[in-house]
Amino acid sequence: MGKWNLRNYVETIKLSVHFTRTYYLSLFLAIIGVFVITIVLFLFILLIGSIPISIFYGPFDEVFDVFDFIGDTMSEVNDVEAVGIVLFAGSALLAPFLIAIGALFGIGQEVFEGGTATAEEALLWYRQKFSRLASAGIVQFLIIIIPIGIEYIFATWYFGNQMPDTTTLTFLVFIAALWFLFSSGMLSMVFPSIVDGIPVFSSIKHSIKLTWKNSGAVFSIWSTFSSLGLLLLGPIIIQEFTDVILLTDQVYDLYILASALVILLLLLPVYVLSVSRTYLLISDPNIKEEQETHTEGSQ
């Protein structure tokens, strides 16, 4: 494609918002459908995984006592260890939902290549590409989290049971956040590549290659939606990790719920369509003319 410029960026966001409005019911049902399936599968895996835990901690009907045990243990460990446990446990819990997000890119491709979108298509992509989406999600997770884990291990080894000073801690968090945003951006074309029929490890290389050659296109979209997500979650992050109180107890839980719904039901579909269009543009410049035709026909 030609040099990515402001016009390309604006057109991508504009078209994505337009198609989100046009096909919102299908996108909404698709998001709900794939996430419900993912949650059911996740709970099933959690149930199966609880069986060996119950062998060590007592009968199956007492397995939930394990979680009380974990909570008590968390309250006894030092702050450095607690941060590590929360970091990796939280990341592991989020990893399965990457599969659901990956399935939505099937709709993104259908919208821009065929000018149509149905919830059934997302479920079809979920079923047909499940193993590849799951594998790609795991590989992305490992690429993103392993360097952060290495940083954490070295910090734990160096500081021991002592929390680092504020300046050092801020620097460590900044490095981890920078790597997270950079690596996530470099891998943002993986799921569109999987949908395009490229094998898992080839899709990783393809995403990195496309991003390297078209960094302006990829990171302008990625940074836009990352910034919007962080802006929404900012009050929660600030309140959790500092002494600043931005939300009272009465509205804190409500704000968390509202932010999650906005990200899931508004930002996510526009993001998926924006990334899908960007992928198609940098992979096949001729797709732009077809997209404009579809847009005119849907107005």
Protein backbone atom coordinates (compact mmCIF):
# COMPACT_ATOMS: atom_id res chain seq x y z
CA MET A 1 0.00 0.00 0.00
CA GLY A 2 1.01 3.61 -0.26
CA LYS A 3 2.29 5.58 2.70
CA TRP A 4 -0.13 5.46 5.61
CA ASN A 5 -1.43 8.93 6.34
CA LEU A 6 -4.07 10.73 8.37
CA ARG A 7 -6.68 10.14 5.66
CA ASN A 8 -6.14 6.35 5.81
CA TYR A 9 -6.44 6.47 9.58
CA VAL A 10 -9.63 8.55 9.57
CA GLU A 11 -11.20 6.39 6.84
CA THR A 12 -10.43 3.22 8.79
CA ILE A 13 -12.01 4.52 12.00
CA LYS A 14 -14.94 6.05 10.10
CA LEU A 15 -15.69 2.86 8.16
CA SER A 16 -15.35 0.73 11.27
CA VAL A 17 -17.79 2.92 13.20
CA HIS A 18 -20.15 2.91 10.19
CA PHE A 19 -20.13 -0.88 9.87
CA THR A 20 -20.43 -1.28 13.64
CA ARG A 21 -23.64 0.77 13.56
CA THR A 22 -24.92 -1.04 10.45
CA TYR A 23 -24.30 -4.54 11.76
CA TYR A 24 -24.42 -3.89 15.49
CA LEU A 25 -27.10 -6.47 16.29
CA SER A 26 -25.07 -9.19 14.57
CA LEU A 27 -21.87 -8.01 16.25
CA PHE A 28 -23.60 -7.81 19.65
CA LEU A 29 -24.99 -11.34 19.33
CA ALA A 30 -21.62 -12.59 18.10
CA ILE A 31 -19.77 -11.06 21.05
CA ILE A 32 -22.26 -12.46 23.54
CA GLY A 33 -22.26 -15.86 21.84
CA VAL A 34 -18.52 -16.43 21.65
CA PHE A 35 -17.93 -15.13 25.16
CA VAL A 36 -20.69 -17.30 26.66
CA ILE A 37 -19.17 -20.35 24.95
CA THR A 38 -15.72 -19.37 26.18
CA ILE A 39 -16.95 -18.89 29.76
CA VAL A 40 -18.69 -22.29 29.69
CA LEU A 41 -15.51 -23.96 28.38
CA PHE A 42 -13.41 -22.10 30.94
CA LEU A 43 -15.66 -23.21 33.80
CA PHE A 44 -15.59 -26.77 32.49
CA ILE A 45 -11.79 -26.74 32.41
CA LEU A 46 -11.76 -25.21 35.91
CA LEU A 47 -14.08 -27.98 37.11
CA ILE A 48 -11.87 -30.70 35.63
CA GLY A 49 -8.80 -29.03 37.11
CA SER A 50 -10.45 -28.92 40.52
CA ILE A 51 -10.61 -32.72 40.72
CA PRO A 52 -6.89 -33.29 41.38
CA ILE A 53 -6.94 -30.31 43.78
CA SER A 54 -9.73 -32.00 45.76
CA ILE A 55 -7.56 -35.10 46.10
CA PHE A 56 -5.05 -33.09 48.12
CA TYR A 57 -7.44 -30.79 49.99
CA GLY A 58 -10.36 -33.06 50.75
CA PRO A 59 -13.64 -34.29 49.27
CA PHE A 60 -15.00 -32.62 46.14
CA ASP A 61 -17.76 -30.85 48.07
CA GLU A 62 -15.07 -29.07 50.04
CA VAL A 63 -12.96 -28.02 47.05
CA PHE A 64 -13.97 -24.38 47.41
CA ASP A 65 -12.11 -24.38 50.72
CA VAL A 66 -9.00 -24.33 48.53
CA PHE A 67 -9.84 -20.82 47.41
CA ASP A 68 -10.17 -19.74 51.04
CA PHE A 69 -6.75 -21.30 51.62
CA ILE A 70 -5.32 -19.34 48.68
CA GLY A 71 -6.87 -16.14 50.03
CA ASP A 72 -5.35 -16.74 53.47
CA THR A 73 -1.99 -17.47 51.87
CA MET A 74 -2.15 -14.25 49.84
CA SER A 75 -2.72 -12.25 53.00
CA GLU A 76 0.44 -13.71 54.55
CA VAL A 77 2.92 -13.27 51.66
CA ASN A 78 4.96 -10.11 51.20
CA ASP A 79 3.90 -7.39 48.78
CA VAL A 80 6.38 -8.41 46.05
CA GLU A 81 5.13 -12.01 46.02
CA ALA A 82 1.49 -10.86 46.07
CA VAL A 83 2.03 -8.66 43.01
CA GLY A 84 3.53 -11.61 41.14
CA ILE A 85 0.69 -13.94 42.06
CA VAL A 86 -1.95 -11.43 41.01
CA LEU A 87 -0.08 -10.61 37.78
CA PHE A 88 0.26 -14.18 36.56
CA ALA A 89 -3.04 -15.49 37.89
CA GLY A 90 -4.92 -12.57 36.35
CA SER A 91 -3.11 -12.97 33.03
CA ALA A 92 -3.85 -16.69 32.95
CA LEU A 93 -7.54 -16.06 33.56
CA LEU A 94 -7.67 -13.59 30.67
CA ALA A 95 -5.82 -15.82 28.21
CA PRO A 96 -8.79 -18.06 27.21
CA PHE A 97 -10.83 -15.03 26.20
CA LEU A 98 -8.31 -14.28 23.46
CA ILE A 99 -9.92 -17.16 21.57
CA ALA A 100 -13.29 -15.42 21.67
CA ILE A 101 -11.79 -12.15 20.46
CA GLY A 102 -9.99 -14.02 17.69
CA ALA A 103 -13.25 -15.50 16.43
CA LEU A 104 -14.71 -12.02 16.01
CA PHE A 105 -12.10 -11.24 13.38
CA GLY A 106 -13.94 -13.69 11.13
CA ILE A 107 -16.81 -11.20 11.07
CA GLY A 108 -14.36 -8.38 10.40
CA GLN A 109 -13.13 -10.14 7.31
CA GLU A 110 -16.65 -10.88 6.10
CA VAL A 111 -17.71 -7.24 6.58
CA PHE A 112 -14.90 -5.76 4.53
CA GLU A 113 -14.63 -8.48 1.91
CA GLY A 114 -18.29 -9.40 1.48
CA GLY A 115 -20.21 -6.46 2.91
CA THR A 116 -22.26 -8.68 5.25
CA ALA A 117 -22.14 -9.82 8.85
CA THR A 118 -24.08 -12.38 10.89
CA ALA A 119 -23.60 -13.72 14.40
CA GLU A 120 -23.55 -17.26 12.98
CA GLU A 121 -20.36 -16.44 11.08
CA ALA A 122 -18.50 -15.68 14.31
CA LEU A 123 -19.65 -18.96 15.85
CA LEU A 124 -18.63 -20.75 12.65
CA TRP A 125 -15.16 -19.20 12.79
CA TYR A 126 -15.01 -20.14 16.48
CA ARG A 127 -15.71 -23.79 15.66
CA GLN A 128 -13.62 -24.07 12.51
CA LYS A 129 -10.57 -22.20 13.77
CA PHE A 130 -10.80 -23.11 17.47
CA SER A 131 -7.50 -25.00 17.69
CA ARG A 132 -5.61 -22.37 15.70
CA LEU A 133 -7.16 -19.48 17.61
CA ALA A 134 -6.39 -21.21 20.91
CA SER A 135 -2.81 -21.94 19.89
CA ALA A 136 -2.30 -18.40 18.61
CA GLY A 137 -3.74 -17.00 21.83
CA ILE A 138 -1.38 -19.11 23.95
CA VAL A 139 1.67 -18.20 21.85
CA GLN A 140 0.82 -14.49 22.00
CA PHE A 141 0.27 -14.76 25.75
CA LEU A 142 3.69 -16.38 26.23
CA ILE A 143 5.52 -13.87 24.02
CA ILE A 144 3.96 -10.98 25.92
CA ILE A 145 4.15 -12.33 29.47
CA ILE A 146 7.52 -14.18 29.58
CA PRO A 147 9.73 -11.03 29.40
CA ILE A 148 7.52 -9.39 32.04
CA GLY A 149 7.90 -12.53 34.16
CA ILE A 150 11.68 -12.47 33.76
CA GLU A 151 11.73 -8.83 34.88
CA TYR A 152 9.60 -9.73 37.89
CA ILE A 153 11.83 -12.68 38.84
CA PHE A 154 14.98 -10.55 38.71
CA ALA A 155 13.28 -7.80 40.72
CA THR A 156 12.16 -10.34 43.33
CA TRP A 157 15.66 -11.82 43.51
CA TYR A 158 17.32 -8.41 43.81
CA PHE A 159 14.95 -6.76 46.29
CA GLY A 160 14.00 -9.87 48.26
CA ASN A 161 11.16 -9.19 50.67
CA GLN A 162 11.58 -5.42 50.41
CA MET A 163 9.44 -3.32 48.09
CA PRO A 164 11.60 -1.11 45.81
CA ASP A 165 11.43 2.63 46.25
CA THR A 166 8.77 4.57 44.33
CA THR A 167 11.11 5.69 41.53
CA THR A 168 12.42 2.17 40.89
CA LEU A 169 8.96 0.62 41.07
CA THR A 170 7.61 3.22 38.63
CA PHE A 171 10.48 2.47 36.24
CA LEU A 172 9.87 -1.30 36.44
CA VAL A 173 6.13 -0.87 35.85
CA PHE A 174 6.86 1.50 32.95
CA ILE A 175 9.19 -1.04 31.29
CA ALA A 176 6.62 -3.84 31.73
CA ALA A 177 3.78 -1.66 30.38
CA LEU A 178 5.93 -0.50 27.45
CA TRP A 179 6.75 -4.09 26.51
CA PHE A 180 3.10 -5.10 26.87
CA LEU A 181 1.91 -2.34 24.55
CA PHE A 182 4.75 -2.82 22.03
CA SER A 183 4.51 -6.61 21.83
CA SER A 184 0.70 -6.54 21.74
CA GLY A 185 0.86 -4.09 18.86
CA MET A 186 3.39 -6.19 16.96
CA LEU A 187 1.10 -9.22 17.38
CA SER A 188 -2.18 -7.43 16.63
CA MET A 189 -2.28 -8.88 13.10
CA VAL A 190 -2.05 -12.49 14.29
CA PHE A 191 -5.79 -13.22 14.51
CA PRO A 192 -6.57 -11.62 11.12
CA SER A 193 -3.77 -13.79 9.71
CA ILE A 194 -5.30 -16.91 11.29
CA VAL A 195 -8.68 -16.01 9.77
CA ASP A 196 -6.88 -15.54 6.46
CA GLY A 197 -5.81 -19.19 6.63
CA ILE A 198 -2.18 -18.74 7.71
CA PRO A 199 -0.81 -21.37 10.17
CA VAL A 200 -0.17 -20.34 13.77
CA PHE A 201 3.59 -19.80 13.84
CA SER A 202 3.56 -18.37 10.32
CA SER A 203 0.86 -15.92 11.45
CA ILE A 204 3.15 -14.73 14.26
CA LYS A 205 5.95 -14.05 11.78
CA HIS A 206 3.48 -12.56 9.29
CA SER A 207 2.11 -10.16 11.93
CA ILE A 208 5.59 -9.02 12.95
CA LYS A 209 6.63 -8.59 9.31
CA LEU A 210 3.50 -6.60 8.40
CA THR A 211 3.83 -4.42 11.50
CA TRP A 212 7.53 -3.78 10.89
CA LYS A 213 6.84 -2.64 7.32
CA ASN A 214 3.65 -0.75 8.20
CA SER A 215 4.29 0.41 11.75
CA GLY A 216 2.42 3.68 11.24
CA ALA A 217 -0.74 1.87 10.13
CA VAL A 218 -0.68 -0.81 12.82
CA PHE A 219 0.38 1.26 15.82
CA SER A 220 -1.88 4.21 15.03
CA ILE A 221 -4.88 1.89 15.34
CA TRP A 222 -3.48 -0.08 18.26
CA SER A 223 -2.46 3.01 20.25
CA THR A 224 -5.85 4.65 19.66
CA PHE A 225 -7.85 1.82 21.20
CA SER A 226 -5.26 1.09 23.89
CA SER A 227 -5.43 4.74 24.95
CA LEU A 228 -9.23 4.71 25.00
CA GLY A 229 -9.22 1.53 27.09
CA LEU A 230 -6.66 2.94 29.53
CA LEU A 231 -8.60 6.19 29.72
CA LEU A 232 -11.71 4.29 30.79
CA LEU A 233 -9.82 2.11 33.26
CA GLY A 234 -7.59 4.94 34.48
CA PRO A 235 -9.64 5.85 37.57
CA ILE A 236 -9.71 2.19 38.63
CA ILE A 237 -5.96 1.70 38.09
CA ILE A 238 -5.06 4.92 39.90
CA GLN A 239 -7.31 4.10 42.86
CA GLU A 240 -6.02 0.52 43.15
CA PHE A 241 -2.31 1.35 43.01
CA THR A 242 -2.20 4.73 44.73
CA ASP A 243 -3.77 6.41 47.74
CA VAL A 244 -5.82 8.72 45.51
CA ILE A 245 -9.57 8.17 45.86
CA LEU A 246 -11.37 9.07 42.63
CA LEU A 247 -14.47 6.91 43.05
CA THR A 248 -16.52 6.50 46.20
CA ASP A 249 -17.52 3.06 47.38
CA GLN A 250 -21.07 3.66 46.15
CA VAL A 251 -20.03 4.16 42.51
CA TYR A 252 -16.80 2.10 42.32
CA ASP A 253 -18.41 -1.24 41.44
CA LEU A 254 -20.87 0.46 39.11
CA TYR A 255 -18.03 2.21 37.29
CA ILE A 256 -16.16 -1.09 36.86
CA LEU A 257 -19.26 -2.69 35.35
CA ALA A 258 -19.98 0.29 33.10
CA SER A 259 -16.36 0.43 31.88
CA ALA A 260 -16.33 -3.29 31.11
CA LEU A 261 -19.56 -3.01 29.12
CA VAL A 262 -18.32 0.00 27.13
CA ILE A 263 -15.07 -1.79 26.27
CA LEU A 264 -16.78 -5.07 25.42
CA LEU A 265 -19.82 -3.80 23.53
CA LEU A 266 -18.58 -0.56 21.96
CA LEU A 267 -14.79 -0.38 21.74
CA LEU A 268 -14.22 -4.06 20.95
CA PRO A 269 -16.34 -4.27 17.75
CA VAL A 270 -14.91 -1.01 16.37
CA TYR A 271 -11.40 -2.21 17.25
CA VAL A 272 -11.92 -5.58 15.56
CA LEU A 273 -13.23 -3.95 12.39
CA SER A 274 -10.44 -1.34 12.39
CA VAL A 275 -7.73 -3.98 12.73
CA SER A 276 -9.43 -6.15 10.09
CA ARG A 277 -9.50 -3.29 7.59
CA THR A 278 -5.90 -2.33 8.38
CA TYR A 279 -4.81 -5.93 7.85
CA LEU A 280 -6.61 -6.18 4.53
CA LEU A 281 -5.19 -2.85 3.37
CA ILE A 282 -1.58 -3.65 4.16
CA SER A 283 -1.99 -7.19 2.81
CA ASP A 284 -4.01 -6.33 -0.30
CA PRO A 285 -4.16 -2.64 -1.32
CA ASN A 286 -6.88 -3.44 -3.89
CA ILE A 287 -9.33 -4.18 -1.10
CA LYS A 288 -9.86 -0.45 -0.52
CA GLU A 289 -11.96 -0.04 -3.67
CA GLU A 290 -14.14 -3.02 -2.70
CA GLN A 291 -14.70 -1.60 0.80
CA GLU A 292 -15.84 1.73 -0.60
CA THR A 293 -18.30 -0.11 -2.85
CA HIS A 294 -19.73 -2.02 0.15
CA THR A 295 -20.01 1.20 2.14
CA GLU A 296 -21.97 2.97 -0.60
CA GLY A 297 -24.30 -0.02 -0.91
CA SER A 298 -25.05 -0.16 2.82
CA GLN A 299 -25.89 3.52 3.16
